[in-house]
């Protein structure tokens, strides 16, 4: 094969490896990893964050802080936006919420998911004040939704939100590409040996004569 044919040959194998790797990655996370990630890792992080909020609400004098400057809590809970839904109410009326909006600009963000609340909030009164922190959790997005959002946006593959998916995919590509090359090399060697063997036998016979 000339150089162009070799490049096309390797490109074809590489593309085939990508297709197979996409299918294997989807199946691998669908059956083994995705639930463990959300029900294990993410659930553990959420519990830790909720404990921290509970501890914050029980600090002595926190009620005075809330009554004098409730806006100061926004800086704390904004860091949890899209991760842990938190809202603050005063005498039953909402005064703050970090729960994701239905804003159009937000939806254009490739990391955006229309998450649904579990609607099982924990309530933490801020001392003796009428301010109450409501902490809920989001339902995990469907695996198919997460996968296709990752697939359609290569620019986010190496972000913290998606690198856990990108790294195994690239590993599968390398593995299948190597296996394909090794298999083809073995096949070519076998064919070549079958072609050369009769020639060697013939040459040997000629030398014996």
N, C-alpha and C. Protein backbone atom coordinates (compact mmCIF):
# COMPACT_ATOMS: atom_id res chain seq x y z
N UNK A 1 0.84 -1.21 0.00
CA UNK A 1 0.00 0.00 0.00
C UNK A 1 0.87 1.25 0.00
N UNK A 2 0.42 2.27 -0.73
CA UNK A 2 1.14 3.53 -0.70
C UNK A 2 0.75 4.31 0.55
N UNK A 3 1.37 5.47 0.74
CA UNK A 3 1.15 6.27 1.96
C UNK A 3 -0.31 6.65 2.15
N UNK A 4 -0.98 7.06 1.08
CA UNK A 4 -2.38 7.47 1.17
C UNK A 4 -3.27 6.31 1.58
N UNK A 5 -3.02 5.17 1.00
CA UNK A 5 -3.82 3.99 1.34
C UNK A 5 -3.60 3.57 2.79
N UNK A 6 -2.36 3.69 3.26
CA UNK A 6 -2.07 3.36 4.66
C UNK A 6 -2.79 4.30 5.61
N UNK A 7 -2.79 5.59 5.27
CA UNK A 7 -3.48 6.57 6.12
C UNK A 7 -4.98 6.28 6.18
N UNK A 8 -5.56 5.98 5.02
CA UNK A 8 -7.00 5.67 4.98
C UNK A 8 -7.30 4.38 5.74
N UNK A 9 -6.39 3.44 5.64
CA UNK A 9 -6.55 2.17 6.34
C UNK A 9 -6.56 2.38 7.86
N UNK A 10 -5.57 3.12 8.37
CA UNK A 10 -5.49 3.38 9.81
C UNK A 10 -6.64 4.28 10.28
N UNK A 11 -7.05 5.22 9.45
CA UNK A 11 -8.17 6.08 9.80
C UNK A 11 -9.46 5.27 9.93
N UNK A 12 -9.64 4.31 9.03
CA UNK A 12 -10.83 3.45 9.08
C UNK A 12 -10.86 2.63 10.36
N UNK A 13 -9.69 2.07 10.71
CA UNK A 13 -9.60 1.29 11.95
C UNK A 13 -9.87 2.18 13.16
N UNK A 14 -9.32 3.39 13.13
CA UNK A 14 -9.49 4.33 14.25
C UNK A 14 -10.96 4.71 14.41
N UNK A 15 -11.64 5.01 13.30
CA UNK A 15 -13.06 5.37 13.36
C UNK A 15 -13.90 4.20 13.87
N UNK A 16 -13.57 3.01 13.42
CA UNK A 16 -14.28 1.82 13.89
C UNK A 16 -14.06 1.63 15.39
N UNK A 17 -12.84 1.90 15.85
CA UNK A 17 -12.53 1.79 17.28
C UNK A 17 -13.34 2.79 18.09
N UNK A 18 -13.52 3.99 17.54
CA UNK A 18 -14.31 5.02 18.22
C UNK A 18 -15.76 4.58 18.35
N UNK A 19 -16.32 4.06 17.27
CA UNK A 19 -17.72 3.62 17.28
C UNK A 19 -17.94 2.51 18.30
N UNK A 20 -17.04 1.52 18.29
CA UNK A 20 -17.15 0.41 19.24
C UNK A 20 -16.98 0.92 20.67
N UNK A 21 -16.05 1.86 20.86
CA UNK A 21 -15.78 2.40 22.20
C UNK A 21 -16.97 3.19 22.73
N UNK A 22 -17.64 3.91 21.86
CA UNK A 22 -18.84 4.64 22.28
C UNK A 22 -19.91 3.67 22.80
N UNK A 23 -20.10 2.58 22.05
CA UNK A 23 -21.10 1.59 22.45
C UNK A 23 -20.71 0.93 23.77
N UNK A 24 -19.43 0.58 23.91
CA UNK A 24 -18.97 -0.09 25.13
C UNK A 24 -19.03 0.87 26.32
N UNK A 25 -18.65 2.13 26.11
CA UNK A 25 -18.69 3.13 27.19
C UNK A 25 -20.12 3.32 27.68
N UNK A 26 -21.04 3.43 26.73
CA UNK A 26 -22.45 3.60 27.10
C UNK A 26 -22.93 2.41 27.93
N UNK A 27 -22.64 1.20 27.46
CA UNK A 27 -23.09 0.00 28.16
C UNK A 27 -22.40 -0.14 29.53
N UNK A 28 -21.11 0.16 29.57
CA UNK A 28 -20.35 0.02 30.82
C UNK A 28 -20.93 0.89 31.92
N UNK A 29 -21.15 2.17 31.62
CA UNK A 29 -21.69 3.07 32.64
C UNK A 29 -23.16 2.79 32.92
N UNK A 30 -23.88 2.39 31.90
CA UNK A 30 -25.30 2.11 32.08
C UNK A 30 -25.54 0.95 33.05
N UNK A 31 -24.69 -0.08 32.95
CA UNK A 31 -24.91 -1.28 33.76
C UNK A 31 -24.06 -1.34 35.04
N UNK A 32 -22.92 -0.62 35.07
CA UNK A 32 -22.01 -0.81 36.20
C UNK A 32 -21.67 0.45 36.99
N UNK A 33 -21.57 1.61 36.32
CA UNK A 33 -20.98 2.77 36.98
C UNK A 33 -21.94 3.91 37.32
N UNK A 34 -22.93 4.14 36.47
CA UNK A 34 -23.70 5.38 36.60
C UNK A 34 -24.45 5.46 37.93
N UNK A 35 -25.19 4.40 38.28
CA UNK A 35 -25.93 4.41 39.54
C UNK A 35 -25.00 4.51 40.73
N UNK A 36 -23.85 3.82 40.64
CA UNK A 36 -22.90 3.87 41.73
C UNK A 36 -22.34 5.28 41.90
N UNK A 37 -22.17 5.98 40.77
CA UNK A 37 -21.65 7.36 40.82
C UNK A 37 -22.63 8.29 41.53
N UNK A 38 -23.92 8.21 41.14
CA UNK A 38 -24.91 9.12 41.71
C UNK A 38 -25.40 8.67 43.09
N UNK A 39 -25.60 7.35 43.25
CA UNK A 39 -26.09 6.85 44.52
C UNK A 39 -24.98 6.68 45.55
N UNK A 40 -23.75 6.67 45.06
CA UNK A 40 -22.61 6.53 45.96
C UNK A 40 -21.87 7.84 46.16
N UNK A 41 -21.08 8.23 45.15
CA UNK A 41 -20.24 9.42 45.26
C UNK A 41 -21.05 10.69 45.48
N UNK A 42 -22.00 10.96 44.59
CA UNK A 42 -22.78 12.19 44.66
C UNK A 42 -23.63 12.23 45.93
N UNK A 43 -24.27 11.10 46.27
CA UNK A 43 -25.10 11.04 47.48
C UNK A 43 -24.26 11.33 48.72
N UNK A 44 -23.04 10.83 48.75
CA UNK A 44 -22.14 11.05 49.88
C UNK A 44 -21.77 12.53 50.01
N UNK A 45 -21.49 13.16 48.87
CA UNK A 45 -21.16 14.59 48.86
C UNK A 45 -22.35 15.41 49.34
N UNK A 46 -23.54 15.05 48.88
CA UNK A 46 -24.76 15.77 49.29
C UNK A 46 -24.97 15.67 50.80
N UNK A 47 -24.77 14.49 51.36
CA UNK A 47 -24.94 14.31 52.81
C UNK A 47 -23.97 15.18 53.59
N UNK A 48 -22.74 15.26 53.09
CA UNK A 48 -21.73 16.10 53.75
C UNK A 48 -22.12 17.57 53.70
N UNK A 49 -22.59 18.01 52.53
CA UNK A 49 -22.99 19.41 52.39
C UNK A 49 -24.19 19.74 53.27
N UNK A 50 -25.13 18.82 53.37
CA UNK A 50 -26.31 19.04 54.21
C UNK A 50 -25.91 19.12 55.69
N UNK A 51 -24.97 18.28 56.10
CA UNK A 51 -24.48 18.33 57.48
C UNK A 51 -23.82 19.67 57.77
N UNK A 52 -23.10 20.20 56.80
CA UNK A 52 -22.45 21.50 56.97
C UNK A 52 -23.49 22.61 57.11
N UNK A 53 -24.55 22.53 56.31
CA UNK A 53 -25.61 23.53 56.39
C UNK A 53 -26.32 23.42 57.74
N UNK A 54 -26.55 22.20 58.20
CA UNK A 54 -27.18 21.99 59.51
C UNK A 54 -26.31 22.59 60.62
N UNK A 55 -24.99 22.38 60.50
CA UNK A 55 -24.08 22.96 61.48
C UNK A 55 -24.10 24.48 61.44
N UNK A 56 -24.17 25.04 60.22
CA UNK A 56 -24.24 26.50 60.07
C UNK A 56 -25.48 27.05 60.76
N UNK A 57 -26.60 26.37 60.58
CA UNK A 57 -27.88 26.86 61.14
C UNK A 57 -27.90 26.79 62.66
N UNK A 58 -27.04 25.97 63.25
CA UNK A 58 -27.05 25.80 64.70
C UNK A 58 -25.99 26.63 65.42
N UNK A 59 -25.24 27.45 64.68
CA UNK A 59 -24.22 28.29 65.30
C UNK A 59 -24.88 29.33 66.20
N UNK A 60 -24.29 29.55 67.37
CA UNK A 60 -24.83 30.57 68.28
C UNK A 60 -24.76 31.95 67.63
N UNK A 61 -25.87 32.66 67.69
CA UNK A 61 -25.93 34.01 67.14
C UNK A 61 -26.24 34.06 65.66
N UNK A 62 -26.48 32.88 65.05
CA UNK A 62 -26.75 32.88 63.61
C UNK A 62 -28.07 33.57 63.30
N UNK A 63 -29.00 33.56 64.27
CA UNK A 63 -30.29 34.23 64.05
C UNK A 63 -30.11 35.73 63.92
N UNK A 64 -29.18 36.30 64.71
CA UNK A 64 -28.91 37.74 64.62
C UNK A 64 -28.29 38.09 63.28
N UNK A 65 -27.38 37.22 62.81
CA UNK A 65 -26.74 37.44 61.50
C UNK A 65 -27.80 37.43 60.41
N UNK A 66 -28.73 36.47 60.49
CA UNK A 66 -29.78 36.36 59.47
C UNK A 66 -30.69 37.57 59.48
N UNK A 67 -31.06 38.03 60.66
CA UNK A 67 -31.98 39.16 60.76
C UNK A 67 -31.33 40.47 60.31
N UNK A 68 -30.03 40.59 60.54
CA UNK A 68 -29.33 41.82 60.16
C UNK A 68 -28.87 41.84 58.71
N UNK A 69 -28.53 40.65 58.17
CA UNK A 69 -28.01 40.61 56.80
C UNK A 69 -28.25 39.23 56.19
N UNK A 70 -29.47 38.96 55.81
CA UNK A 70 -29.80 37.65 55.23
C UNK A 70 -29.13 37.46 53.87
N UNK A 71 -28.79 38.60 53.21
CA UNK A 71 -28.15 38.52 51.89
C UNK A 71 -26.76 37.87 51.97
N UNK A 72 -26.16 37.90 53.16
CA UNK A 72 -24.83 37.31 53.30
C UNK A 72 -24.84 35.80 53.05
N UNK A 73 -26.02 35.18 53.20
CA UNK A 73 -26.12 33.73 52.98
C UNK A 73 -26.12 33.37 51.49
N UNK A 74 -26.42 34.35 50.65
CA UNK A 74 -26.46 34.08 49.22
C UNK A 74 -25.09 33.65 48.69
N UNK A 75 -24.05 34.30 49.18
CA UNK A 75 -22.70 33.97 48.74
C UNK A 75 -22.32 32.54 49.07
N UNK A 76 -22.88 32.03 50.17
CA UNK A 76 -22.59 30.65 50.58
C UNK A 76 -23.30 29.65 49.67
N UNK A 77 -24.60 29.89 49.47
CA UNK A 77 -25.41 28.91 48.75
C UNK A 77 -25.34 29.02 47.23
N UNK A 78 -24.82 30.16 46.73
CA UNK A 78 -24.65 30.28 45.27
C UNK A 78 -23.61 29.28 44.76
N UNK A 79 -22.65 28.93 45.63
CA UNK A 79 -21.64 27.95 45.25
C UNK A 79 -22.23 26.57 45.02
N UNK A 80 -23.43 26.35 45.55
CA UNK A 80 -24.10 25.05 45.42
C UNK A 80 -25.14 25.04 44.31
N UNK A 81 -25.25 26.13 43.58
CA UNK A 81 -26.23 26.19 42.48
C UNK A 81 -25.95 25.08 41.47
N UNK A 82 -27.01 24.43 41.01
CA UNK A 82 -26.97 23.29 40.08
C UNK A 82 -26.47 22.01 40.75
N UNK A 83 -26.10 22.08 42.02
CA UNK A 83 -25.59 20.90 42.73
C UNK A 83 -26.52 20.49 43.87
N UNK A 84 -26.82 21.44 44.73
CA UNK A 84 -27.69 21.16 45.88
C UNK A 84 -28.72 22.28 45.97
N UNK A 85 -30.02 21.98 45.81
CA UNK A 85 -31.05 23.02 45.83
C UNK A 85 -31.31 23.53 47.25
N UNK A 86 -31.15 24.84 47.43
CA UNK A 86 -31.34 25.46 48.74
C UNK A 86 -32.21 26.71 48.58
N UNK A 87 -33.15 26.88 49.50
CA UNK A 87 -33.90 28.13 49.53
C UNK A 87 -34.09 28.55 50.98
N UNK A 88 -34.27 29.84 51.16
CA UNK A 88 -34.48 30.40 52.49
C UNK A 88 -35.84 31.08 52.51
N UNK A 89 -36.61 30.80 53.53
CA UNK A 89 -37.92 31.44 53.68
C UNK A 89 -37.95 32.25 54.97
N UNK A 90 -38.78 33.28 54.98
CA UNK A 90 -39.01 34.07 56.17
C UNK A 90 -40.50 34.11 56.44
N UNK A 91 -40.88 33.49 57.52
CA UNK A 91 -42.30 33.44 57.89
C UNK A 91 -43.14 32.85 56.74
N UNK A 92 -42.56 31.85 56.06
CA UNK A 92 -43.28 31.15 54.99
C UNK A 92 -43.07 31.73 53.61
N UNK A 93 -42.43 32.88 53.50
CA UNK A 93 -42.22 33.53 52.20
C UNK A 93 -40.76 33.35 51.75
N UNK A 94 -40.60 32.99 50.49
CA UNK A 94 -39.26 32.77 49.96
C UNK A 94 -38.50 34.08 49.81
N UNK A 95 -37.27 34.11 50.36
CA UNK A 95 -36.43 35.31 50.23
C UNK A 95 -35.16 35.02 49.41
N UNK A 96 -34.86 33.75 49.23
CA UNK A 96 -33.69 33.39 48.43
C UNK A 96 -33.86 31.95 47.93
N UNK A 97 -33.32 31.69 46.73
CA UNK A 97 -33.31 30.33 46.19
C UNK A 97 -32.18 30.20 45.17
N UNK A 98 -31.46 29.08 45.24
CA UNK A 98 -30.43 28.81 44.23
C UNK A 98 -30.89 27.73 43.26
N UNK A 99 -32.16 27.37 43.33
CA UNK A 99 -32.70 26.33 42.46
C UNK A 99 -32.67 26.83 41.02
N UNK A 100 -32.16 26.01 40.13
CA UNK A 100 -31.94 26.44 38.75
C UNK A 100 -33.22 26.93 38.10
N UNK A 101 -33.06 28.01 37.37
CA UNK A 101 -34.21 28.61 36.70
C UNK A 101 -34.44 27.98 35.34
N UNK A 102 -35.50 28.41 34.68
CA UNK A 102 -35.79 27.94 33.33
C UNK A 102 -35.33 28.97 32.29
N UNK A 103 -34.36 29.76 32.69
CA UNK A 103 -33.82 30.81 31.83
C UNK A 103 -33.22 30.23 30.56
N UNK A 104 -33.52 30.86 29.43
CA UNK A 104 -33.06 30.35 28.14
C UNK A 104 -31.56 30.29 28.02
N UNK A 105 -30.85 31.29 28.56
CA UNK A 105 -29.39 31.31 28.48
C UNK A 105 -28.78 30.14 29.23
N UNK A 106 -29.40 29.78 30.31
CA UNK A 106 -28.89 28.65 31.10
C UNK A 106 -29.04 27.36 30.32
N UNK A 107 -30.13 27.22 29.59
CA UNK A 107 -30.36 25.99 28.83
C UNK A 107 -29.34 25.81 27.72
N UNK A 108 -28.75 26.91 27.25
CA UNK A 108 -27.75 26.81 26.19
C UNK A 108 -26.41 26.32 26.72
N UNK A 109 -26.26 26.34 28.02
CA UNK A 109 -25.03 25.85 28.63
C UNK A 109 -24.98 24.33 28.45
N UNK A 110 -23.92 23.79 27.83
CA UNK A 110 -23.87 22.34 27.60
C UNK A 110 -23.86 21.52 28.88
N UNK A 111 -23.56 22.15 30.02
CA UNK A 111 -23.58 21.42 31.29
C UNK A 111 -24.96 21.42 31.93
N UNK A 112 -25.87 22.15 31.35
CA UNK A 112 -27.19 22.33 31.96
C UNK A 112 -28.06 21.08 31.84
N UNK A 113 -28.69 20.72 32.93
CA UNK A 113 -29.67 19.65 32.93
C UNK A 113 -30.94 20.19 33.58
N UNK A 114 -32.08 19.85 33.02
CA UNK A 114 -33.34 20.24 33.62
C UNK A 114 -33.62 19.28 34.76
N UNK A 115 -32.99 19.53 35.88
CA UNK A 115 -33.09 18.62 37.01
C UNK A 115 -34.42 18.77 37.74
N UNK A 116 -34.91 17.66 38.22
CA UNK A 116 -36.16 17.68 38.99
C UNK A 116 -35.84 17.46 40.46
N UNK A 117 -36.55 18.16 41.30
CA UNK A 117 -36.35 18.01 42.73
C UNK A 117 -36.97 16.72 43.24
N UNK A 118 -36.36 16.16 44.28
CA UNK A 118 -36.95 14.98 44.91
C UNK A 118 -38.12 15.37 45.81
N UNK A 119 -38.19 16.67 46.13
CA UNK A 119 -39.27 17.21 46.98
C UNK A 119 -39.33 16.52 48.34
N UNK A 120 -38.14 16.31 48.90
CA UNK A 120 -38.04 15.79 50.27
C UNK A 120 -37.06 16.66 51.04
N UNK A 121 -37.43 17.95 51.20
CA UNK A 121 -36.48 18.90 51.81
C UNK A 121 -36.31 18.69 53.31
N UNK A 122 -35.10 19.02 53.76
CA UNK A 122 -34.83 19.07 55.20
C UNK A 122 -34.84 20.54 55.59
N UNK A 123 -35.42 20.82 56.76
CA UNK A 123 -35.59 22.20 57.21
C UNK A 123 -34.67 22.49 58.39
N UNK A 124 -33.96 23.62 58.28
CA UNK A 124 -33.04 24.03 59.34
C UNK A 124 -33.31 25.49 59.72
N UNK A 125 -34.01 25.70 60.85
CA UNK A 125 -34.27 27.08 61.30
C UNK A 125 -32.95 27.76 61.66
N UNK A 126 -32.85 29.04 61.33
CA UNK A 126 -31.66 29.80 61.68
C UNK A 126 -31.84 30.35 63.09
N UNK A 127 -31.41 29.58 64.05
CA UNK A 127 -31.55 29.97 65.45
C UNK A 127 -33.01 30.12 65.86
N UNK A 128 -33.29 31.22 66.53
CA UNK A 128 -34.64 31.51 66.99
C UNK A 128 -35.39 32.44 66.03
N UNK A 129 -34.78 32.73 64.90
CA UNK A 129 -35.41 33.64 63.94
C UNK A 129 -36.49 32.90 63.15
N UNK A 130 -37.20 33.68 62.32
CA UNK A 130 -38.24 33.09 61.47
C UNK A 130 -37.68 32.64 60.12
N UNK A 131 -36.37 32.78 59.98
CA UNK A 131 -35.72 32.33 58.75
C UNK A 131 -35.49 30.82 58.81
N UNK A 132 -35.81 30.14 57.74
CA UNK A 132 -35.63 28.69 57.67
C UNK A 132 -34.92 28.32 56.37
N UNK A 133 -33.90 27.47 56.46
CA UNK A 133 -33.20 26.98 55.27
C UNK A 133 -33.86 25.66 54.85
N UNK A 134 -34.26 25.58 53.60
CA UNK A 134 -34.85 24.37 53.03
C UNK A 134 -33.81 23.74 52.10
N UNK A 135 -33.39 22.53 52.40
CA UNK A 135 -32.38 21.85 51.58
C UNK A 135 -32.98 20.59 50.97
N UNK A 136 -32.99 20.53 49.66
CA UNK A 136 -33.53 19.37 48.95
C UNK A 136 -32.40 18.74 48.15
N UNK A 137 -32.69 17.75 47.35
CA UNK A 137 -31.70 17.17 46.44
C UNK A 137 -32.35 16.99 45.07
N UNK A 138 -31.50 16.91 44.03
CA UNK A 138 -32.00 16.71 42.67
C UNK A 138 -32.06 15.23 42.33
N UNK A 139 -33.02 14.88 41.50
CA UNK A 139 -33.06 13.54 40.95
C UNK A 139 -31.94 13.42 39.92
N UNK A 140 -31.23 12.31 39.88
CA UNK A 140 -30.15 12.16 38.88
C UNK A 140 -30.72 12.23 37.47
N UNK A 141 -30.02 12.88 36.54
CA UNK A 141 -30.48 12.88 35.15
C UNK A 141 -30.37 11.48 34.56
N UNK A 142 -31.19 11.19 33.60
CA UNK A 142 -31.11 9.88 32.95
C UNK A 142 -29.73 9.70 32.32
N UNK A 143 -29.22 8.48 32.34
CA UNK A 143 -27.91 8.21 31.76
C UNK A 143 -27.87 8.56 30.29
N UNK A 144 -28.94 8.25 29.57
CA UNK A 144 -28.96 8.56 28.13
C UNK A 144 -28.84 10.06 27.89
N UNK A 145 -29.49 10.86 28.76
CA UNK A 145 -29.42 12.32 28.63
C UNK A 145 -27.99 12.81 28.88
N UNK A 146 -27.39 12.29 29.92
CA UNK A 146 -26.02 12.69 30.27
C UNK A 146 -25.05 12.28 29.15
N UNK A 147 -25.19 11.06 28.66
CA UNK A 147 -24.27 10.55 27.64
C UNK A 147 -24.35 11.36 26.36
N UNK A 148 -25.55 11.63 25.86
CA UNK A 148 -25.69 12.36 24.60
C UNK A 148 -25.28 13.82 24.73
N UNK A 149 -25.45 14.39 25.91
CA UNK A 149 -24.97 15.76 26.10
C UNK A 149 -23.44 15.79 26.04
N UNK A 150 -22.82 14.77 26.65
CA UNK A 150 -21.36 14.66 26.57
C UNK A 150 -20.93 14.42 25.13
N UNK A 151 -21.59 13.54 24.42
CA UNK A 151 -21.21 13.18 23.07
C UNK A 151 -21.31 14.37 22.11
N UNK A 152 -22.31 15.20 22.30
CA UNK A 152 -22.55 16.33 21.39
C UNK A 152 -21.66 17.54 21.67
N UNK A 153 -20.97 17.54 22.79
CA UNK A 153 -20.17 18.72 23.16
C UNK A 153 -18.74 18.31 23.53
N UNK A 154 -17.89 18.04 22.54
CA UNK A 154 -16.49 17.66 22.82
C UNK A 154 -15.73 18.71 23.61
N UNK A 155 -16.18 19.97 23.55
CA UNK A 155 -15.47 21.04 24.26
C UNK A 155 -15.55 20.88 25.78
N UNK A 156 -16.46 20.05 26.27
CA UNK A 156 -16.58 19.87 27.72
C UNK A 156 -16.05 18.51 28.17
N UNK A 157 -15.44 17.77 27.27
CA UNK A 157 -14.99 16.42 27.60
C UNK A 157 -13.98 16.38 28.73
N UNK A 158 -13.13 17.39 28.83
CA UNK A 158 -12.07 17.37 29.84
C UNK A 158 -12.34 18.32 31.00
N UNK A 159 -13.61 18.71 31.15
CA UNK A 159 -13.98 19.51 32.32
C UNK A 159 -14.20 18.57 33.50
N UNK A 160 -14.26 19.12 34.69
CA UNK A 160 -14.44 18.30 35.89
C UNK A 160 -15.79 17.57 35.88
N UNK A 161 -16.75 18.12 35.17
CA UNK A 161 -18.07 17.51 35.14
C UNK A 161 -18.14 16.27 34.25
N UNK A 162 -17.19 16.13 33.32
CA UNK A 162 -17.30 15.04 32.35
C UNK A 162 -16.02 14.23 32.15
N UNK A 163 -14.92 14.61 32.79
CA UNK A 163 -13.68 13.86 32.55
C UNK A 163 -13.76 12.42 33.04
N UNK A 164 -14.63 12.16 34.02
CA UNK A 164 -14.81 10.78 34.51
C UNK A 164 -15.41 9.88 33.42
N UNK A 165 -16.04 10.48 32.43
CA UNK A 165 -16.61 9.74 31.31
C UNK A 165 -15.64 9.70 30.13
N UNK A 166 -14.92 10.80 29.93
CA UNK A 166 -14.00 10.91 28.79
C UNK A 166 -12.81 9.97 28.91
N UNK A 167 -12.22 9.89 30.10
CA UNK A 167 -11.02 9.07 30.28
C UNK A 167 -11.28 7.59 29.96
N UNK A 168 -12.33 6.96 30.50
CA UNK A 168 -12.59 5.55 30.12
C UNK A 168 -12.85 5.38 28.63
N UNK A 169 -13.55 6.36 28.02
CA UNK A 169 -13.81 6.28 26.59
C UNK A 169 -12.51 6.25 25.80
N UNK A 170 -11.57 7.14 26.11
CA UNK A 170 -10.30 7.19 25.41
C UNK A 170 -9.49 5.92 25.65
N UNK A 171 -9.61 5.35 26.84
CA UNK A 171 -8.93 4.09 27.13
C UNK A 171 -9.49 2.97 26.26
N UNK A 172 -10.81 2.94 26.11
CA UNK A 172 -11.43 1.92 25.26
C UNK A 172 -10.99 2.09 23.80
N UNK A 173 -10.89 3.34 23.34
CA UNK A 173 -10.44 3.59 21.97
C UNK A 173 -9.04 3.03 21.77
N UNK A 174 -8.14 3.32 22.71
CA UNK A 174 -6.76 2.84 22.61
C UNK A 174 -6.71 1.31 22.62
N UNK A 175 -7.52 0.70 23.48
CA UNK A 175 -7.52 -0.76 23.60
C UNK A 175 -8.02 -1.41 22.31
N UNK A 176 -9.17 -0.94 21.80
CA UNK A 176 -9.74 -1.56 20.60
C UNK A 176 -8.89 -1.28 19.36
N UNK A 177 -8.29 -0.11 19.30
CA UNK A 177 -7.41 0.21 18.17
C UNK A 177 -6.19 -0.71 18.19
N UNK A 178 -5.62 -0.92 19.37
CA UNK A 178 -4.45 -1.81 19.50
C UNK A 178 -4.82 -3.25 19.16
N UNK A 179 -5.98 -3.69 19.64
CA UNK A 179 -6.43 -5.06 19.36
C UNK A 179 -6.62 -5.26 17.85
N UNK A 180 -7.23 -4.24 17.21
CA UNK A 180 -7.48 -4.34 15.76
C UNK A 180 -6.17 -4.42 14.99
N UNK A 181 -5.20 -3.58 15.34
CA UNK A 181 -3.91 -3.60 14.66
C UNK A 181 -3.19 -4.93 14.89
N UNK A 182 -3.25 -5.42 16.13
CA UNK A 182 -2.60 -6.69 16.45
C UNK A 182 -3.24 -7.84 15.68
N UNK A 183 -4.57 -7.82 15.59
CA UNK A 183 -5.28 -8.86 14.86
C UNK A 183 -4.96 -8.84 13.37
N UNK A 184 -4.92 -7.64 12.81
CA UNK A 184 -4.60 -7.51 11.37
C UNK A 184 -3.16 -7.94 11.10
N UNK A 185 -2.25 -7.54 12.00
CA UNK A 185 -0.84 -7.93 11.83
C UNK A 185 -0.69 -9.45 11.89
N UNK A 186 -1.41 -10.08 12.83
CA UNK A 186 -1.35 -11.54 12.95
C UNK A 186 -1.91 -12.22 11.71
N UNK A 187 -3.01 -11.67 11.20
CA UNK A 187 -3.63 -12.24 10.00
C UNK A 187 -2.69 -12.11 8.80
N UNK A 188 -2.09 -10.91 8.65
CA UNK A 188 -1.17 -10.69 7.53
C UNK A 188 0.05 -11.60 7.63
N UNK A 189 0.52 -11.81 8.86
CA UNK A 189 1.68 -12.69 9.07
C UNK A 189 1.33 -14.12 8.68
N UNK A 190 0.12 -14.54 9.04
CA UNK A 190 -0.32 -15.90 8.73
C UNK A 190 -0.44 -16.08 7.22
N UNK A 191 -1.06 -15.08 6.55
CA UNK A 191 -1.21 -15.15 5.09
C UNK A 191 0.15 -15.15 4.41
N UNK A 192 1.02 -14.29 4.91
CA UNK A 192 2.36 -14.17 4.32
C UNK A 192 3.13 -15.49 4.48
N UNK A 193 2.99 -16.10 5.66
CA UNK A 193 3.71 -17.36 5.89
C UNK A 193 3.17 -18.47 4.99
N UNK A 194 1.86 -18.44 4.74
CA UNK A 194 1.26 -19.44 3.85
C UNK A 194 1.73 -19.26 2.42
N UNK A 195 1.98 -18.00 2.02
CA UNK A 195 2.46 -17.73 0.66
C UNK A 195 3.94 -18.06 0.51
N UNK A 196 4.70 -17.80 1.57
CA UNK A 196 6.14 -17.99 1.49
C UNK A 196 6.54 -19.46 1.66
N UNK A 197 5.78 -20.19 2.48
CA UNK A 197 6.15 -21.58 2.78
C UNK A 197 6.32 -22.43 1.52
N UNK A 198 5.38 -22.40 0.55
CA UNK A 198 5.57 -23.20 -0.67
C UNK A 198 6.81 -22.80 -1.44
N UNK A 199 7.11 -21.49 -1.43
CA UNK A 199 8.30 -21.01 -2.14
C UNK A 199 9.57 -21.55 -1.48
N UNK A 200 9.57 -21.57 -0.14
CA UNK A 200 10.74 -22.08 0.57
C UNK A 200 10.92 -23.59 0.33
N UNK A 201 9.79 -24.30 0.30
CA UNK A 201 9.86 -25.75 0.03
C UNK A 201 10.40 -26.00 -1.36
N UNK A 202 9.91 -25.21 -2.31
CA UNK A 202 10.34 -25.35 -3.70
C UNK A 202 11.82 -25.03 -3.83
N UNK A 203 12.25 -23.96 -3.13
CA UNK A 203 13.66 -23.56 -3.18
C UNK A 203 14.54 -24.64 -2.56
N UNK A 204 14.06 -25.23 -1.48
CA UNK A 204 14.81 -26.28 -0.80
C UNK A 204 15.00 -27.51 -1.71
N UNK A 205 13.96 -27.85 -2.42
CA UNK A 205 14.02 -28.99 -3.32
C UNK A 205 15.01 -28.75 -4.48
N UNK A 206 15.00 -27.50 -4.93
CA UNK A 206 15.92 -27.16 -6.02
C UNK A 206 17.38 -27.26 -5.56
N UNK A 207 17.61 -26.87 -4.29
CA UNK A 207 18.96 -26.94 -3.76
C UNK A 207 19.40 -28.39 -3.58
N UNK A 208 18.42 -29.27 -3.20
CA UNK A 208 18.75 -30.70 -3.02
C UNK A 208 19.16 -31.35 -4.33
N UNK A 209 18.60 -30.87 -5.40
CA UNK A 209 18.94 -31.42 -6.70
C UNK A 209 20.36 -30.99 -7.11
